[in-house]
PDB file of all heavy atoms in Angstrom:
ATOM      1  N   SER A   1     138.199 -37.207 -17.362  1.00  0.00           N
ATOM      2  CA  SER A   1     138.481 -37.283 -15.908  1.00  0.00           C
ATOM      3  C   SER A   1     137.559 -38.415 -15.188  1.00  0.00           C
ATOM      4  O   SER A   1     138.134 -39.016 -14.383  1.00  0.00           O
ATOM      5  CB  SER A   1     137.918 -35.885 -15.382  1.00  0.00           C
ATOM      6  OG  SER A   1     138.700 -34.858 -15.801  1.00  0.00           O
ATOM      7  N   ILE A   2     136.354 -38.611 -15.659  1.00  0.00           N
ATOM      8  CA  ILE A   2     135.635 -39.727 -15.081  1.00  0.00           C
ATOM      9  C   ILE A   2     136.147 -41.062 -15.521  1.00  0.00           C
ATOM     10  O   ILE A   2     136.151 -42.065 -14.858  1.00  0.00           O
ATOM     11  CB  ILE A   2     134.089 -39.676 -15.376  1.00  0.00           C
ATOM     12  CG1 ILE A   2     133.796 -39.680 -16.787  1.00  0.00           C
ATOM     13  CG2 ILE A   2     133.486 -38.376 -14.677  1.00  0.00           C
ATOM     14  CD1 ILE A   2     132.292 -39.882 -17.092  1.00  0.00           C
ATOM     15  N   THR A   3     136.788 -41.115 -16.705  1.00  0.00           N
ATOM     16  CA  THR A   3     137.450 -42.343 -17.143  1.00  0.00           C
ATOM     17  C   THR A   3     138.650 -42.648 -16.213  1.00  0.00           C
ATOM     18  O   THR A   3     138.836 -43.759 -15.816  1.00  0.00           O
ATOM     19  CB  THR A   3     137.935 -42.225 -18.620  1.00  0.00           C
ATOM     20  OG1 THR A   3     136.818 -42.009 -19.381  1.00  0.00           O
ATOM     21  CG2 THR A   3     138.661 -43.525 -19.151  1.00  0.00           C
ATOM     22  N   LEU A   4     139.452 -41.639 -16.017  1.00  0.00           N
ATOM     23  CA  LEU A   4     140.666 -41.879 -15.116  1.00  0.00           C
ATOM     24  C   LEU A   4     140.307 -42.203 -13.618  1.00  0.00           C
ATOM     25  O   LEU A   4     140.908 -42.904 -13.007  1.00  0.00           O
ATOM     26  CB  LEU A   4     141.452 -40.542 -15.114  1.00  0.00           C
ATOM     27  CG  LEU A   4     142.318 -40.182 -16.319  1.00  0.00           C
ATOM     28  CD1 LEU A   4     142.923 -38.816 -16.285  1.00  0.00           C
ATOM     29  CD2 LEU A   4     143.413 -41.308 -16.505  1.00  0.00           C
ATOM     30  N   SER A   5     139.058 -41.645 -13.214  1.00  0.00           N
ATOM     31  CA  SER A   5     138.705 -41.950 -11.849  1.00  0.00           C
ATOM     32  C   SER A   5     138.432 -43.450 -11.699  1.00  0.00           C
ATOM     33  O   SER A   5     138.612 -44.029 -10.571  1.00  0.00           O
ATOM     34  CB  SER A   5     137.414 -41.121 -11.430  1.00  0.00           C
ATOM     35  OG  SER A   5     136.289 -41.566 -12.174  1.00  0.00           O
ATOM     36  N   VAL A   6     138.027 -44.025 -12.777  1.00  0.00           N
ATOM     37  CA  VAL A   6     137.735 -45.534 -12.779  1.00  0.00           C
ATOM     38  C   VAL A   6     139.081 -46.265 -12.874  1.00  0.00           C
ATOM     39  O   VAL A   6     139.381 -47.257 -12.181  1.00  0.00           O
ATOM     40  CB  VAL A   6     136.724 -45.974 -13.778  1.00  0.00           C
ATOM     41  CG1 VAL A   6     136.585 -47.430 -13.831  1.00  0.00           C
ATOM     42  CG2 VAL A   6     135.489 -45.202 -13.519  1.00  0.00           C
ATOM     43  N   ILE A   7     139.883 -45.933 -13.855  1.00  0.00           N
ATOM     44  CA  ILE A   7     141.099 -46.558 -14.226  1.00  0.00           C
ATOM     45  C   ILE A   7     141.989 -46.537 -13.000  1.00  0.00           C
ATOM     46  O   ILE A   7     142.731 -47.551 -12.710  1.00  0.00           O
ATOM     47  CB  ILE A   7     141.833 -45.912 -15.465  1.00  0.00           C
ATOM     48  CG1 ILE A   7     140.929 -46.229 -16.719  1.00  0.00           C
ATOM     49  CG2 ILE A   7     143.127 -46.517 -15.600  1.00  0.00           C
ATOM     50  CD1 ILE A   7     141.523 -45.446 -17.925  1.00  0.00           C
ATOM     51  N   LEU A   8     142.061 -45.374 -12.297  1.00  0.00           N
ATOM     52  CA  LEU A   8     142.973 -45.224 -11.187  1.00  0.00           C
ATOM     53  C   LEU A   8     142.381 -45.777  -9.913  1.00  0.00           C
ATOM     54  O   LEU A   8     142.899 -45.465  -8.786  1.00  0.00           O
ATOM     55  CB  LEU A   8     143.383 -43.693 -11.086  1.00  0.00           C
ATOM     56  CG  LEU A   8     144.163 -43.192 -12.292  1.00  0.00           C
ATOM     57  CD1 LEU A   8     144.333 -41.610 -12.136  1.00  0.00           C
ATOM     58  CD2 LEU A   8     145.451 -43.920 -12.449  1.00  0.00           C
ATOM     59  N   ASN A   9     141.275 -46.349  -9.992  1.00  0.00           N
ATOM     60  CA  ASN A   9     140.577 -47.056  -8.860  1.00  0.00           C
ATOM     61  C   ASN A   9     140.079 -46.027  -7.765  1.00  0.00           C
ATOM     62  O   ASN A   9     140.203 -46.335  -6.628  1.00  0.00           O
ATOM     63  CB  ASN A   9     141.485 -48.062  -8.288  1.00  0.00           C
ATOM     64  CG  ASN A   9     140.719 -49.182  -7.468  1.00  0.00           C
ATOM     65  OD1 ASN A   9     139.627 -49.468  -7.907  1.00  0.00           O
ATOM     66  ND2 ASN A   9     141.281 -49.707  -6.425  1.00  0.00           N
ATOM     67  N   VAL A  10     139.774 -44.812  -8.191  1.00  0.00           N
ATOM     68  CA  VAL A  10     139.251 -43.778  -7.233  1.00  0.00           C
ATOM     69  C   VAL A  10     137.778 -44.019  -7.054  1.00  0.00           C
ATOM     70  O   VAL A  10     137.227 -43.880  -5.987  1.00  0.00           O
ATOM     71  CB  VAL A  10     139.588 -42.422  -7.739  1.00  0.00           C
ATOM     72  CG1 VAL A  10     139.009 -41.352  -6.780  1.00  0.00           C
ATOM     73  CG2 VAL A  10     141.116 -42.172  -7.865  1.00  0.00           C
ATOM     74  N   LEU A  11     137.071 -44.254  -8.203  1.00  0.00           N
ATOM     75  CA  LEU A  11     135.608 -44.552  -8.197  1.00  0.00           C
ATOM     76  C   LEU A  11     135.397 -45.797  -8.930  1.00  0.00           C
ATOM     77  O   LEU A  11     136.019 -46.243  -9.812  1.00  0.00           O
ATOM     78  CB  LEU A  11     134.913 -43.414  -8.802  1.00  0.00           C
ATOM     79  CG  LEU A  11     134.891 -41.948  -8.236  1.00  0.00           C
ATOM     80  CD1 LEU A  11     134.121 -40.962  -9.138  1.00  0.00           C
ATOM     81  CD2 LEU A  11     134.323 -42.005  -6.812  1.00  0.00           C
ATOM     82  N   LYS A  12     134.203 -46.438  -8.529  1.00  0.00           N
ATOM     83  CA  LYS A  12     133.753 -47.569  -9.222  1.00  0.00           C
ATOM     84  C   LYS A  12     132.988 -47.112 -10.523  1.00  0.00           C
ATOM     85  O   LYS A  12     132.618 -45.935 -10.579  1.00  0.00           O
ATOM     86  CB  LYS A  12     132.883 -48.404  -8.431  1.00  0.00           C
ATOM     87  CG  LYS A  12     133.438 -49.018  -7.195  1.00  0.00           C
ATOM     88  CD  LYS A  12     132.441 -49.696  -6.267  1.00  0.00           C
ATOM     89  CE  LYS A  12     133.163 -50.336  -5.016  1.00  0.00           C
ATOM     90  NZ  LYS A  12     132.242 -50.908  -4.169  1.00  0.00           N
ATOM     91  N   PRO A  13     132.927 -47.940 -11.569  1.00  0.00           N
ATOM     92  CA  PRO A  13     132.303 -47.560 -12.813  1.00  0.00           C
ATOM     93  C   PRO A  13     130.909 -46.942 -12.563  1.00  0.00           C
ATOM     94  O   PRO A  13     130.570 -45.850 -13.216  1.00  0.00           O
ATOM     95  CB  PRO A  13     132.252 -48.828 -13.716  1.00  0.00           C
ATOM     96  CG  PRO A  13     133.368 -49.658 -13.213  1.00  0.00           C
ATOM     97  CD  PRO A  13     133.517 -49.322 -11.736  1.00  0.00           C
ATOM     98  N   ALA A  14     130.095 -47.630 -11.826  1.00  0.00           N
ATOM     99  CA  ALA A  14     128.693 -47.137 -11.561  1.00  0.00           C
ATOM    100  C   ALA A  14     128.773 -45.704 -10.867  1.00  0.00           C
ATOM    101  O   ALA A  14     127.965 -44.893 -11.151  1.00  0.00           O
ATOM    102  CB  ALA A  14     127.943 -48.041 -10.734  1.00  0.00           C
ATOM    103  N   GLU A  15     129.607 -45.640  -9.932  1.00  0.00           N
ATOM    104  CA  GLU A  15     129.813 -44.260  -9.293  1.00  0.00           C
ATOM    105  C   GLU A  15     130.248 -43.168 -10.264  1.00  0.00           C
ATOM    106  O   GLU A  15     129.724 -42.041 -10.239  1.00  0.00           O
ATOM    107  CB  GLU A  15     130.815 -44.432  -8.123  1.00  0.00           C
ATOM    108  CG  GLU A  15     130.475 -45.258  -7.000  1.00  0.00           C
ATOM    109  CD  GLU A  15     131.416 -45.465  -5.960  1.00  0.00           C
ATOM    110  OE1 GLU A  15     132.706 -45.425  -6.358  1.00  0.00           O
ATOM    111  OE2 GLU A  15     131.119 -45.647  -4.783  1.00  0.00           O
ATOM    112  N   ALA A  16     131.178 -43.512 -11.098  1.00  0.00           N
ATOM    113  CA  ALA A  16     131.664 -42.489 -12.067  1.00  0.00           C
ATOM    114  C   ALA A  16     130.611 -42.044 -13.059  1.00  0.00           C
ATOM    115  O   ALA A  16     130.593 -40.940 -13.565  1.00  0.00           O
ATOM    116  CB  ALA A  16     132.867 -43.087 -12.822  1.00  0.00           C
ATOM    117  N   LEU A  17     129.683 -42.919 -13.328  1.00  0.00           N
ATOM    118  CA  LEU A  17     128.586 -42.565 -14.306  1.00  0.00           C
ATOM    119  C   LEU A  17     127.333 -42.096 -13.575  1.00  0.00           C
ATOM    120  O   LEU A  17     126.311 -41.778 -14.265  1.00  0.00           O
ATOM    121  CB  LEU A  17     128.278 -43.861 -15.193  1.00  0.00           C
ATOM    122  CG  LEU A  17     129.420 -44.283 -16.040  1.00  0.00           C
ATOM    123  CD1 LEU A  17     129.065 -45.594 -16.678  1.00  0.00           C
ATOM    124  CD2 LEU A  17     129.768 -43.265 -17.071  1.00  0.00           C
ATOM    125  N   SER A  18     127.330 -42.027 -12.317  1.00  0.00           N
ATOM    126  CA  SER A  18     126.138 -41.621 -11.615  1.00  0.00           C
ATOM    127  C   SER A  18     125.612 -40.243 -11.864  1.00  0.00           C
ATOM    128  O   SER A  18     124.439 -39.947 -11.738  1.00  0.00           O
ATOM    129  CB  SER A  18     126.373 -41.812 -10.027  1.00  0.00           C
ATOM    130  OG  SER A  18     127.447 -40.808  -9.587  1.00  0.00           O
ATOM    131  N   GLY A  19     126.500 -39.352 -12.218  1.00  0.00           N
ATOM    132  CA  GLY A  19     126.141 -37.985 -12.493  1.00  0.00           C
ATOM    133  C   GLY A  19     125.169 -37.899 -13.650  1.00  0.00           C
ATOM    134  O   GLY A  19     124.297 -36.970 -13.712  1.00  0.00           O
ATOM    135  N   PHE A  20     125.157 -38.881 -14.612  1.00  0.00           N
ATOM    136  CA  PHE A  20     124.272 -38.783 -15.737  1.00  0.00           C
ATOM    137  C   PHE A  20     122.866 -39.257 -15.435  1.00  0.00           C
ATOM    138  O   PHE A  20     121.898 -39.146 -16.283  1.00  0.00           O
ATOM    139  CB  PHE A  20     124.867 -39.685 -16.913  1.00  0.00           C
ATOM    140  CG  PHE A  20     126.173 -39.230 -17.332  1.00  0.00           C
ATOM    141  CD1 PHE A  20     127.374 -39.992 -16.949  1.00  0.00           C
ATOM    142  CD2 PHE A  20     126.374 -37.961 -18.053  1.00  0.00           C
ATOM    143  CE1 PHE A  20     128.618 -39.496 -17.407  1.00  0.00           C
ATOM    144  CE2 PHE A  20     127.664 -37.593 -18.411  1.00  0.00           C
ATOM    145  CZ  PHE A  20     128.771 -38.327 -18.110  1.00  0.00           C
ATOM    146  N   ALA A  21     122.688 -39.734 -14.274  1.00  0.00           N
ATOM    147  CA  ALA A  21     121.270 -40.130 -13.795  1.00  0.00           C
ATOM    148  C   ALA A  21     120.701 -38.993 -13.023  1.00  0.00           C
ATOM    149  O   ALA A  21     119.518 -39.107 -12.669  1.00  0.00           O
ATOM    150  CB  ALA A  21     121.384 -41.427 -12.977  1.00  0.00           C
ATOM    151  N   ASP A  22     121.449 -37.943 -12.717  1.00  0.00           N
ATOM    152  CA  ASP A  22     121.000 -36.811 -11.984  1.00  0.00           C
ATOM    153  C   ASP A  22     119.881 -36.101 -12.831  1.00  0.00           C
ATOM    154  O   ASP A  22     120.127 -35.710 -13.959  1.00  0.00           O
ATOM    155  CB  ASP A  22     122.146 -35.873 -11.701  1.00  0.00           C
ATOM    156  CG  ASP A  22     121.747 -34.822 -10.648  1.00  0.00           C
ATOM    157  OD1 ASP A  22     120.952 -34.006 -10.925  1.00  0.00           O
ATOM    158  OD2 ASP A  22     122.347 -34.815  -9.477  1.00  0.00           O
ATOM    159  N   THR A  23     118.728 -35.780 -12.238  1.00  0.00           N
ATOM    160  CA  THR A  23     117.647 -35.124 -12.947  1.00  0.00           C
ATOM    161  C   THR A  23     118.093 -33.661 -13.425  1.00  0.00           C
ATOM    162  O   THR A  23     117.644 -33.212 -14.478  1.00  0.00           O
ATOM    163  CB  THR A  23     116.405 -34.977 -11.997  1.00  0.00           C
ATOM    164  OG1 THR A  23     116.817 -34.230 -10.839  1.00  0.00           O
ATOM    165  CG2 THR A  23     115.839 -36.258 -11.674  1.00  0.00           C
ATOM    166  N   THR A  24     119.054 -33.060 -12.689  1.00  0.00           N
ATOM    167  CA  THR A  24     119.537 -31.769 -13.160  1.00  0.00           C
ATOM    168  C   THR A  24     120.096 -31.818 -14.573  1.00  0.00           C
ATOM    169  O   THR A  24     119.878 -30.863 -15.327  1.00  0.00           O
ATOM    170  CB  THR A  24     120.631 -31.292 -12.174  1.00  0.00           C
ATOM    171  OG1 THR A  24     120.074 -31.209 -10.932  1.00  0.00           O
ATOM    172  CG2 THR A  24     121.178 -29.955 -12.565  1.00  0.00           C
ATOM    173  N   ILE A  25     120.733 -32.849 -14.875  1.00  0.00           N
ATOM    174  CA  ILE A  25     121.405 -32.990 -16.179  1.00  0.00           C
ATOM    175  C   ILE A  25     120.375 -33.018 -17.302  1.00  0.00           C
ATOM    176  O   ILE A  25     120.479 -32.403 -18.326  1.00  0.00           O
ATOM    177  CB  ILE A  25     122.299 -34.265 -16.297  1.00  0.00           C
ATOM    178  CG1 ILE A  25     123.330 -34.209 -15.112  1.00  0.00           C
ATOM    179  CG2 ILE A  25     122.971 -34.372 -17.606  1.00  0.00           C
ATOM    180  CD1 ILE A  25     124.109 -32.931 -15.112  1.00  0.00           C
ATOM    181  N   TRP A  26     119.275 -33.743 -17.083  1.00  0.00           N
ATOM    182  CA  TRP A  26     118.187 -33.887 -18.049  1.00  0.00           C
ATOM    183  C   TRP A  26     117.367 -32.645 -18.118  1.00  0.00           C
ATOM    184  O   TRP A  26     116.688 -32.342 -19.172  1.00  0.00           O
ATOM    185  CB  TRP A  26     117.355 -35.108 -17.716  1.00  0.00           C
ATOM    186  CG  TRP A  26     118.116 -36.295 -18.002  1.00  0.00           C
ATOM    187  CD1 TRP A  26     118.803 -37.122 -17.139  1.00  0.00           C
ATOM    188  CD2 TRP A  26     118.395 -36.867 -19.307  1.00  0.00           C
ATOM    189  NE1 TRP A  26     119.530 -38.144 -17.775  1.00  0.00           N
ATOM    190  CE2 TRP A  26     119.305 -38.017 -19.153  1.00  0.00           C
ATOM    191  CE3 TRP A  26     118.060 -36.564 -20.630  1.00  0.00           C
ATOM    192  CZ2 TRP A  26     119.749 -38.762 -20.212  1.00  0.00           C
ATOM    193  CZ3 TRP A  26     118.542 -37.250 -21.659  1.00  0.00           C
ATOM    194  CH2 TRP A  26     119.359 -38.400 -21.503  1.00  0.00           C
ATOM    195  N   LEU A  27     117.287 -31.889 -17.085  1.00  0.00           N
ATOM    196  CA  LEU A  27     116.739 -30.503 -17.107  1.00  0.00           C
ATOM    197  C   LEU A  27     117.411 -29.720 -18.077  1.00  0.00           C
ATOM    198  O   LEU A  27     116.892 -28.908 -18.896  1.00  0.00           O
ATOM    199  CB  LEU A  27     116.616 -29.853 -15.766  1.00  0.00           C
ATOM    200  CG  LEU A  27     116.242 -28.436 -15.715  1.00  0.00           C
ATOM    201  CD1 LEU A  27     114.774 -28.255 -16.260  1.00  0.00           C
ATOM    202  CD2 LEU A  27     116.294 -27.875 -14.247  1.00  0.00           C
ATOM    203  N   ILE A  28     118.788 -29.665 -17.998  1.00  0.00           N
ATOM    204  CA  ILE A  28     119.669 -28.936 -18.864  1.00  0.00           C
ATOM    205  C   ILE A  28     119.391 -29.257 -20.349  1.00  0.00           C
ATOM    206  O   ILE A  28     119.189 -28.420 -21.265  1.00  0.00           O
ATOM    207  CB  ILE A  28     121.053 -29.038 -18.447  1.00  0.00           C
ATOM    208  CG1 ILE A  28     121.299 -28.367 -17.077  1.00  0.00           C
ATOM    209  CG2 ILE A  28     122.016 -28.330 -19.490  1.00  0.00           C
ATOM    210  CD1 ILE A  28     122.611 -28.723 -16.418  1.00  0.00           C
ATOM    211  N   VAL A  29     119.464 -30.601 -20.610  1.00  0.00           N
ATOM    212  CA  VAL A  29     119.319 -31.117 -21.971  1.00  0.00           C
ATOM    213  C   VAL A  29     117.931 -30.697 -22.531  1.00  0.00           C
ATOM    214  O   VAL A  29     117.894 -30.137 -23.639  1.00  0.00           O
ATOM    215  CB  VAL A  29     119.475 -32.647 -22.010  1.00  0.00           C
ATOM    216  CG1 VAL A  29     119.092 -33.138 -23.358  1.00  0.00           C
ATOM    217  CG2 VAL A  29     120.902 -33.059 -21.698  1.00  0.00           C
TER     218      VAL A  29
END
């Protein structure tokens, strides 16, 4: 889904990967 969001020009690459910088994700890990 995030790959398609970039390929289809919906989000920029940095925007599509921004979720992985969220502190919530690292709390879960």
